[in-house]
Amino acid sequence: TYTVKRYFKEEKSYHKEVEDQEKRIERLTAEGADPSVLNKEREVLEESLRIIPDVQSRLKAAYEELRNLVVSYHSYYK
């Protein structure tokens, strides 16, 4: 249960980070920020976007493991 909760929170935090980073890039662009600063911010955004599928995969695996455990437990005590 703990692992599923942890991965769920982690995924949620990365989505929030992506949203915040997109807003930051928009703001910096509107302010005419230096291109090197914008490139660095885009790299941060891309890294977060790359991590999300991995976290989703780990969340799904942890959920399936928990689900199988509950099913086994239920079958054992039936």
N, C-alpha and C. Protein backbone atom coordinates (compact mmCIF):
# COMPACT_ATOMS: atom_id res chain seq x y z
N THR A 1 0.82 -1.19 0.00
CA THR A 1 0.00 0.00 0.00
C THR A 1 0.87 1.26 0.00
N TYR A 2 1.91 1.24 0.84
CA TYR A 2 2.78 2.41 0.94
C TYR A 2 3.43 2.73 -0.41
N THR A 3 3.89 1.70 -1.10
CA THR A 3 4.57 1.91 -2.38
C THR A 3 3.62 2.53 -3.40
N VAL A 4 2.40 2.05 -3.45
CA VAL A 4 1.42 2.60 -4.39
C VAL A 4 1.15 4.07 -4.05
N LYS A 5 0.98 4.37 -2.78
CA LYS A 5 0.75 5.76 -2.37
C LYS A 5 1.94 6.65 -2.75
N ARG A 6 3.13 6.13 -2.50
CA ARG A 6 4.35 6.91 -2.78
C ARG A 6 4.46 7.21 -4.27
N TYR A 7 4.26 6.19 -5.12
CA TYR A 7 4.35 6.41 -6.56
C TYR A 7 3.24 7.33 -7.05
N PHE A 8 2.06 7.21 -6.46
CA PHE A 8 0.95 8.09 -6.84
C PHE A 8 1.31 9.54 -6.54
N LYS A 9 1.84 9.78 -5.33
CA LYS A 9 2.24 11.14 -4.96
C LYS A 9 3.38 11.64 -5.84
N GLU A 10 4.31 10.74 -6.16
CA GLU A 10 5.44 11.11 -7.01
C GLU A 10 4.96 11.52 -8.40
N GLU A 11 4.05 10.73 -8.96
CA GLU A 11 3.52 11.07 -10.28
C GLU A 11 2.81 12.43 -10.24
N LYS A 12 2.01 12.61 -9.22
CA LYS A 12 1.28 13.87 -9.07
C LYS A 12 2.25 15.05 -8.97
N SER A 13 3.33 14.88 -8.22
CA SER A 13 4.28 15.97 -8.06
C SER A 13 5.00 16.29 -9.38
N TYR A 14 5.29 15.27 -10.18
CA TYR A 14 5.93 15.54 -11.47
C TYR A 14 4.98 16.27 -12.42
N HIS A 15 3.70 15.91 -12.39
CA HIS A 15 2.74 16.64 -13.23
C HIS A 15 2.65 18.10 -12.79
N LYS A 16 2.68 18.34 -11.49
CA LYS A 16 2.66 19.71 -10.97
C LYS A 16 3.93 20.45 -11.38
N GLU A 17 5.06 19.74 -11.31
CA GLU A 17 6.33 20.35 -11.70
C GLU A 17 6.31 20.74 -13.18
N VAL A 18 5.76 19.89 -14.02
CA VAL A 18 5.65 20.19 -15.46
C VAL A 18 4.78 21.43 -15.66
N GLU A 19 3.66 21.46 -14.98
CA GLU A 19 2.76 22.61 -15.10
C GLU A 19 3.45 23.90 -14.66
N ASP A 20 4.13 23.84 -13.53
CA ASP A 20 4.84 25.02 -13.03
C ASP A 20 5.96 25.44 -13.97
N GLN A 21 6.67 24.47 -14.50
CA GLN A 21 7.79 24.77 -15.39
C GLN A 21 7.30 25.39 -16.70
N GLU A 22 6.17 24.89 -17.22
CA GLU A 22 5.60 25.47 -18.43
C GLU A 22 5.22 26.93 -18.21
N LYS A 23 4.62 27.21 -17.06
CA LYS A 23 4.26 28.59 -16.73
C LYS A 23 5.50 29.47 -16.61
N ARG A 24 6.54 28.91 -16.00
CA ARG A 24 7.79 29.65 -15.82
C ARG A 24 8.40 30.00 -17.19
N ILE A 25 8.40 29.03 -18.10
CA ILE A 25 8.95 29.26 -19.44
C ILE A 25 8.13 30.33 -20.17
N GLU A 26 6.81 30.26 -20.05
CA GLU A 26 5.95 31.27 -20.68
C GLU A 26 6.27 32.66 -20.14
N ARG A 27 6.42 32.74 -18.82
CA ARG A 27 6.71 34.03 -18.19
C ARG A 27 8.07 34.57 -18.64
N LEU A 28 9.07 33.69 -18.62
CA LEU A 28 10.42 34.11 -19.04
C LEU A 28 10.45 34.54 -20.50
N THR A 29 9.70 33.83 -21.34
CA THR A 29 9.62 34.18 -22.76
C THR A 29 8.99 35.56 -22.92
N ALA A 30 7.89 35.78 -22.19
CA ALA A 30 7.20 37.08 -22.27
C ALA A 30 8.09 38.21 -21.77
N GLU A 31 8.96 37.90 -20.81
CA GLU A 31 9.87 38.91 -20.27
C GLU A 31 11.11 39.11 -21.14
N GLY A 32 11.25 38.28 -22.18
CA GLY A 32 12.40 38.40 -23.06
C GLY A 32 13.69 37.89 -22.44
N ALA A 33 13.58 36.80 -21.70
CA ALA A 33 14.74 36.23 -21.02
C ALA A 33 15.81 35.77 -22.02
N ASP A 34 17.01 35.69 -21.52
CA ASP A 34 18.14 35.23 -22.32
C ASP A 34 17.87 33.83 -22.87
N PRO A 35 18.18 33.57 -24.14
CA PRO A 35 17.94 32.26 -24.74
C PRO A 35 18.60 31.10 -23.98
N SER A 36 19.76 31.35 -23.40
CA SER A 36 20.43 30.27 -22.66
C SER A 36 19.64 29.90 -21.41
N VAL A 37 19.01 30.88 -20.79
CA VAL A 37 18.17 30.62 -19.61
C VAL A 37 16.95 29.82 -20.04
N LEU A 38 16.34 30.22 -21.14
CA LEU A 38 15.17 29.50 -21.65
C LEU A 38 15.52 28.06 -22.02
N ASN A 39 16.67 27.87 -22.64
CA ASN A 39 17.09 26.52 -23.00
C ASN A 39 17.26 25.65 -21.76
N LYS A 40 17.84 26.21 -20.72
CA LYS A 40 18.04 25.46 -19.48
C LYS A 40 16.69 25.10 -18.86
N GLU A 41 15.77 26.03 -18.87
CA GLU A 41 14.43 25.77 -18.32
C GLU A 41 13.70 24.71 -19.14
N ARG A 42 13.89 24.73 -20.45
CA ARG A 42 13.27 23.70 -21.30
C ARG A 42 13.87 22.33 -21.03
N GLU A 43 15.17 22.28 -20.74
CA GLU A 43 15.81 21.02 -20.38
C GLU A 43 15.21 20.45 -19.10
N VAL A 44 14.97 21.32 -18.14
CA VAL A 44 14.35 20.89 -16.88
C VAL A 44 12.96 20.33 -17.16
N LEU A 45 12.20 21.01 -18.00
CA LEU A 45 10.86 20.56 -18.38
C LEU A 45 10.93 19.20 -19.07
N GLU A 46 11.82 19.06 -20.03
CA GLU A 46 11.95 17.80 -20.77
C GLU A 46 12.33 16.65 -19.85
N GLU A 47 13.17 16.90 -18.88
CA GLU A 47 13.56 15.86 -17.93
C GLU A 47 12.35 15.39 -17.12
N SER A 48 11.54 16.32 -16.67
CA SER A 48 10.33 15.95 -15.93
C SER A 48 9.39 15.15 -16.81
N LEU A 49 9.25 15.57 -18.06
CA LEU A 49 8.37 14.85 -18.98
C LEU A 49 8.88 13.44 -19.26
N ARG A 50 10.21 13.25 -19.26
CA ARG A 50 10.78 11.92 -19.48
C ARG A 50 10.57 11.01 -18.27
N ILE A 51 10.53 11.59 -17.09
CA ILE A 51 10.41 10.80 -15.87
C ILE A 51 8.99 10.28 -15.66
N ILE A 52 8.00 11.03 -16.08
CA ILE A 52 6.59 10.66 -15.82
C ILE A 52 6.25 9.26 -16.31
N PRO A 53 6.58 8.86 -17.54
CA PRO A 53 6.23 7.49 -17.96
C PRO A 53 6.88 6.41 -17.08
N ASP A 54 8.09 6.66 -16.62
CA ASP A 54 8.76 5.70 -15.74
C ASP A 54 8.01 5.57 -14.42
N VAL A 55 7.62 6.69 -13.85
CA VAL A 55 6.87 6.67 -12.59
C VAL A 55 5.52 5.98 -12.80
N GLN A 56 4.87 6.25 -13.92
CA GLN A 56 3.59 5.61 -14.21
C GLN A 56 3.76 4.10 -14.32
N SER A 57 4.83 3.68 -14.94
CA SER A 57 5.11 2.25 -15.08
C SER A 57 5.33 1.60 -13.71
N ARG A 58 6.11 2.26 -12.86
CA ARG A 58 6.36 1.73 -11.52
C ARG A 58 5.08 1.72 -10.69
N LEU A 59 4.24 2.74 -10.85
CA LEU A 59 2.96 2.80 -10.14
C LEU A 59 2.07 1.65 -10.58
N LYS A 60 2.00 1.42 -11.87
CA LYS A 60 1.17 0.33 -12.39
C LYS A 60 1.66 -1.02 -11.86
N ALA A 61 2.97 -1.23 -11.87
CA ALA A 61 3.53 -2.49 -11.38
C ALA A 61 3.25 -2.68 -9.89
N ALA A 62 3.40 -1.62 -9.11
CA ALA A 62 3.14 -1.70 -7.67
C ALA A 62 1.66 -1.96 -7.41
N TYR A 63 0.80 -1.32 -8.19
CA TYR A 63 -0.64 -1.53 -8.05
C TYR A 63 -1.00 -2.98 -8.37
N GLU A 64 -0.45 -3.51 -9.46
CA GLU A 64 -0.73 -4.90 -9.83
C GLU A 64 -0.23 -5.87 -8.76
N GLU A 65 0.94 -5.59 -8.20
CA GLU A 65 1.48 -6.44 -7.15
C GLU A 65 0.56 -6.42 -5.92
N LEU A 66 0.10 -5.24 -5.55
CA LEU A 66 -0.81 -5.11 -4.42
C LEU A 66 -2.13 -5.81 -4.71
N ARG A 67 -2.64 -5.61 -5.90
CA ARG A 67 -3.90 -6.25 -6.31
C ARG A 67 -3.78 -7.76 -6.24
N ASN A 68 -2.68 -8.30 -6.77
CA ASN A 68 -2.48 -9.75 -6.73
C ASN A 68 -2.37 -10.26 -5.30
N LEU A 69 -1.74 -9.50 -4.45
CA LEU A 69 -1.63 -9.88 -3.04
C LEU A 69 -3.00 -9.93 -2.38
N VAL A 70 -3.83 -8.93 -2.65
CA VAL A 70 -5.18 -8.89 -2.08
C VAL A 70 -6.00 -10.06 -2.60
N VAL A 71 -5.90 -10.35 -3.89
CA VAL A 71 -6.64 -11.47 -4.47
C VAL A 71 -6.17 -12.78 -3.85
N SER A 72 -4.87 -12.95 -3.70
CA SER A 72 -4.33 -14.17 -3.08
C SER A 72 -4.80 -14.30 -1.64
N TYR A 73 -4.75 -13.20 -0.93
CA TYR A 73 -5.18 -13.20 0.47
C TYR A 73 -6.65 -13.57 0.56
N HIS A 74 -7.46 -12.97 -0.31
CA HIS A 74 -8.90 -13.24 -0.33
C HIS A 74 -9.16 -14.71 -0.66
N SER A 75 -8.46 -15.25 -1.64
CA SER A 75 -8.62 -16.65 -2.04
C SER A 75 -8.20 -17.59 -0.92
N TYR A 76 -7.15 -17.25 -0.21
CA TYR A 76 -6.63 -18.09 0.86
C TYR A 76 -7.61 -18.20 2.02
N TYR A 77 -8.28 -17.11 2.35
CA TYR A 77 -9.19 -17.08 3.48
C TYR A 77 -10.65 -17.27 3.10
N LYS A 78 -10.89 -17.67 1.89
CA LYS A 78 -12.25 -17.88 1.42
C LYS A 78 -12.83 -19.14 1.96
